[in-house]
Structure formats: C-alpha cells, structure tokens
Protein backbone atom coordinates (compact mmCIF):
# COMPACT_ATOMS: atom_id res chain seq x y z
CA MET A 1 105.43 141.87 87.36
CA ASN A 2 103.65 140.68 90.46
CA PRO A 3 105.88 138.10 92.36
CA ARG A 4 102.81 136.39 93.83
CA LEU A 5 101.42 135.66 90.34
CA VAL A 6 104.77 134.20 89.16
CA SER A 7 104.99 132.04 92.30
CA GLY A 8 101.44 130.85 91.72
CA ASP A 9 102.20 130.06 88.10
CA LEU A 10 105.30 128.11 89.10
CA LEU A 11 103.35 126.15 91.70
CA GLU A 12 100.78 125.28 89.09
CA ILE A 13 103.52 124.17 86.73
CA HIS A 14 104.94 121.96 89.47
CA ARG A 15 101.58 120.43 90.04
CA ASN A 16 101.05 119.65 86.32
CA VAL A 17 104.57 118.06 86.12
CA ALA A 18 103.77 115.94 89.19
CA ARG A 19 100.41 114.92 87.71
CA VAL A 20 101.69 113.87 84.35
CA GLY A 21 105.41 113.43 84.99
CA SER A 22 107.30 110.19 84.80
CA PHE A 23 108.15 108.72 88.19
CA GLN A 24 111.24 106.53 88.03
CA GLY A 25 110.96 105.30 91.70
CA TYR A 26 109.70 101.91 90.99
CA ARG A 27 112.86 99.91 90.64
CA ALA A 28 113.34 96.28 89.62
CA ALA A 29 115.51 95.30 92.53
CA PRO A 30 113.08 96.21 95.41
CA VAL A 31 110.19 94.67 93.45
CA ALA A 32 112.18 91.53 92.96
CA PHE A 33 112.97 91.56 96.57
CA SER A 34 109.20 91.59 97.38
CA GLY A 35 108.87 88.68 94.85
CA ALA A 36 111.51 86.79 96.88
CA VAL A 37 109.68 87.49 100.10
CA GLY A 38 106.55 86.02 98.49
CA ILE A 39 108.32 82.91 97.42
CA LEU A 40 109.97 82.56 100.93
CA ALA A 41 106.55 83.06 102.61
CA GLY A 42 105.02 80.40 100.32
CA GLY A 43 107.89 78.03 101.41
CA ALA A 44 107.23 78.82 105.05
CA GLN A 45 103.58 78.27 104.59
CA TRP A 46 104.25 74.95 102.86
CA MET A 47 106.58 73.75 105.65
CA LEU A 48 104.52 74.99 108.57
CA SER A 49 100.96 74.37 107.45
CA PRO A 50 99.52 77.19 109.49
CA GLY A 51 95.94 77.56 110.48
CA PRO A 52 93.89 80.47 109.15
CA LEU A 53 94.99 83.05 111.68
CA ALA A 54 98.71 82.15 111.26
CA PHE A 55 98.14 82.24 107.51
CA VAL A 56 96.93 85.87 107.85
CA LEU A 57 99.91 86.80 110.04
CA LEU A 58 102.34 85.13 107.71
CA TRP A 59 101.19 86.83 104.54
CA SER A 60 100.44 90.07 106.18
CA SER A 61 103.94 90.15 107.53
CA ALA A 62 105.29 89.18 103.98
CA ALA A 63 103.35 92.11 102.51
CA CYS A 64 104.56 94.52 105.18
CA VAL A 65 108.17 93.45 104.58
CA GLY A 66 107.93 93.62 100.72
CA PHE A 67 105.92 96.87 100.61
CA GLY A 68 107.95 98.46 103.44
CA PHE A 69 111.20 97.77 101.64
CA ASN A 70 109.83 99.30 98.45
CA LEU A 71 108.54 102.30 100.42
CA LEU A 72 111.95 102.71 102.13
CA CYS A 73 113.76 102.68 98.76
CA ILE A 74 111.42 105.29 97.24
CA ALA A 75 111.64 107.48 100.40
CA ARG A 76 115.42 107.19 100.50
CA GLN A 77 115.87 108.07 96.80
CA PHE A 78 113.28 110.81 96.50
CA GLY A 79 112.40 111.96 100.03
CA ALA A 80 115.53 113.98 100.39
CA SER A 81 115.72 115.09 96.71
CA PRO A 82 116.46 118.80 96.28
CA ARG A 83 114.14 118.78 93.34
CA ARG A 84 110.63 119.49 94.56
CA TRP A 85 108.99 117.91 91.50
CA GLU A 86 110.75 114.62 92.21
CA ARG A 87 109.36 114.60 95.68
CA SER A 88 106.01 115.52 94.23
CA LEU A 89 106.08 112.55 91.92
CA ALA A 90 107.08 110.15 94.67
CA TYR A 91 104.24 111.42 96.77
CA ALA A 92 101.73 111.08 93.88
CA ALA A 93 102.90 107.47 93.16
CA LEU A 94 102.46 106.44 96.83
CA SER A 95 99.12 108.27 96.94
CA ASP A 96 97.88 106.25 94.03
CA LEU A 97 98.55 103.02 95.94
CA SER A 98 97.17 104.15 99.32
CA PRO A 99 93.42 103.45 98.76
CA ALA A 100 94.16 99.78 97.80
CA VAL A 101 96.62 99.40 100.73
CA LEU A 102 94.17 100.84 103.24
CA SER A 103 91.31 98.80 101.88
CA GLY A 104 93.47 95.63 102.13
CA MET A 105 94.29 96.36 105.77
CA PHE A 106 90.65 96.93 106.79
CA LEU A 107 89.27 94.03 104.84
CA THR A 108 91.91 91.80 106.30
CA LEU A 109 90.81 92.75 109.86
CA VAL A 110 87.14 92.33 108.95
CA PHE A 111 87.50 89.04 107.18
CA THR A 112 89.80 87.56 109.83
CA ALA A 113 87.37 88.73 112.61
CA THR A 114 84.46 86.99 110.91
CA ASP A 115 86.24 83.78 110.01
CA ARG A 116 86.17 84.32 106.27
CA VAL A 117 89.90 84.11 105.77
CA GLU A 118 89.54 81.88 102.64
CA LEU A 119 88.32 84.99 100.81
CA LEU A 120 91.43 87.07 101.55
CA PRO A 121 93.74 85.64 98.95
CA GLY A 122 91.39 86.61 96.09
CA LEU A 123 90.65 89.99 97.60
CA TRP A 124 94.31 90.73 98.17
CA MET A 125 95.02 89.93 94.51
CA ILE A 126 92.18 92.14 93.39
CA LEU A 127 93.26 94.99 95.60
CA PHE A 128 96.85 94.72 94.63
CA GLY A 129 95.94 94.63 90.92
CA THR A 130 93.79 97.73 91.43
CA GLY A 131 96.68 99.46 93.20
CA VAL A 132 99.06 98.61 90.33
CA MET A 133 96.60 99.89 87.80
CA ALA A 134 96.11 103.03 89.74
CA SER A 135 99.81 103.58 89.45
CA ARG A 136 99.86 102.98 85.80
CA ARG A 137 101.07 106.56 85.01
CA HIS A 138 104.19 105.70 87.00
CA LEU A 139 104.85 102.34 85.32
CA PRO A 140 105.87 101.23 81.78
CA ALA A 141 102.82 100.40 79.66
CA ILE A 142 102.97 96.72 80.39
CA GLY A 143 102.62 97.54 84.09
CA THR A 144 98.87 98.04 83.54
CA MET A 145 98.70 94.59 82.07
CA MET A 146 100.37 93.21 85.10
CA GLY A 147 97.80 94.98 87.33
CA ALA A 148 95.08 93.44 85.23
CA ALA A 149 96.69 90.02 85.53
CA TYR A 150 96.64 90.39 89.41
CA LEU A 151 93.03 91.44 89.14
CA LEU A 152 92.08 88.39 87.09
CA CYS A 153 94.03 86.04 89.28
CA GLY A 154 92.02 87.40 92.23
CA ILE A 155 88.69 86.90 90.43
CA ALA A 156 89.63 83.38 89.38
CA THR A 157 90.74 82.55 92.95
CA LEU A 158 87.42 83.72 94.37
CA TYR A 159 85.47 81.96 91.59
CA PHE A 160 87.29 78.63 91.36
CA LEU A 161 88.85 77.95 94.72
CA GLU A 162 86.56 77.20 97.56
CA GLY A 163 87.41 77.14 101.29
CA ALA A 164 90.85 75.92 102.29
CA SER A 165 91.97 75.42 98.70
CA ALA A 166 92.29 79.24 98.30
CA LEU A 167 94.74 79.20 101.21
CA ARG A 168 97.28 76.90 99.58
CA ALA A 169 100.93 78.06 99.56
CA GLU A 170 101.26 77.67 95.82
CA VAL A 171 98.33 80.05 95.14
CA MET A 172 99.86 82.93 97.11
CA ALA A 173 103.54 82.30 96.25
CA GLY A 174 102.47 81.76 92.60
CA VAL A 175 100.63 85.04 92.17
CA PHE A 176 102.53 87.36 94.55
CA GLY A 177 106.00 85.82 94.44
CA VAL A 178 106.21 84.92 90.86
CA GLY A 179 104.03 87.93 89.86
CA GLN A 180 106.45 90.45 91.53
CA LEU A 181 109.44 88.69 89.93
CA ILE A 182 107.77 89.14 86.47
CA LEU A 183 107.00 92.76 87.30
CA ALA A 184 110.68 93.21 88.34
CA SER A 185 111.76 91.86 84.99
CA VAL A 186 109.41 94.27 83.17
CA LEU A 187 110.83 97.20 85.16
CA SER A 188 114.39 96.02 84.51
CA ARG A 189 113.89 95.88 80.73
CA SER A 190 112.11 99.40 80.63
CA ALA A 191 115.04 100.92 82.56
CA SER A 192 117.58 99.77 80.12
C-alpha cells in the first residue's frame, strides 16, 4: 500500500468533513454578549447624540468588540484543538463570514469619506445578514431565517428611513442588540 495515497485519501476525508461537518463554535453566551454590546451602544448613542462621524466610530467599535469577543472564544476553543478537523471547521466558519466583514469595513470607509453615513445602518444589516446566511451550515436551521431577518431589516432601513432617521439609536440597537439576543436564544435552545 502506498503511504502517499493513504495520506492523500485521509486529507481528502478531512476536507470533506470540514466542508459538511457540524461546527459547534457559535455559542449562545458570546452572541448574547455581542447583543448586550449593541444595546449598550444604542444607550450610549441615545445619551450622547453623536454626529455622523462619531456614530460610525461608536458602532464600528461596538462591532469590533462584539465580533472580536466571538472570534476570541472560537479561537480559544478550537485554535488549540488537537483534532485537526475541529480546527478546519472553525477556519471554515470564519472564512464564510470574512467576505461580509471585509465588505463592511471597506464600505464603511467609503461611505464615511463621501458623507453618506445615513446609508451605513441598512448596508451593515444587509452585510451581516449575508454573513449569517453564508454561515448557515454552521448554524441551526433557524439561523438562516435570522440571517434573512437581518437582510430584510437592512432593505427596509434603506427603503423607509431617509437621512438622519436611519441613524437613530433604536434602529441600530433594535436590529443588532435585540437581533443578537434572539440569535443567542436560538443557539441556546439548539445546544440543549
């Protein structure tokens, strides 16, 4: 038996498991934490009434804290795993999110630089929903519906809210804060 052939077959099996396997890294507690960050950011926005640039900085910081904490939890749990297939699943889950995250970063820079900040809440919701749906193979079935809900909220925000009304604290805290708390509840129920 050729050892190279066996090694290649095992590698292919690992790739297939990573592609279709069930990733259990999205946990309710870190997602709930990001929801709480969204609620706190909404409260801070309501109290401070920031201008457009400060709005972008506030919500970009909230996104970095929430996403960063989730990323840290996934990396801590799976990054040092002795099981290669678990590391592969964690990498695949994060790779599914990366196009939406990178697009959000670049669009934030462009729309801030061109004074079109009022479009960002809807775009962020659409991109986040797209990222959640791209991660659907790593979520319970209702996770895809949550992604669609974010997407629809983004479309509604862009369509119905003009100018500064899209930048209201309750819009962002309602969608991202409450939305993440609902997603955390879904994850909690699916884990039990």
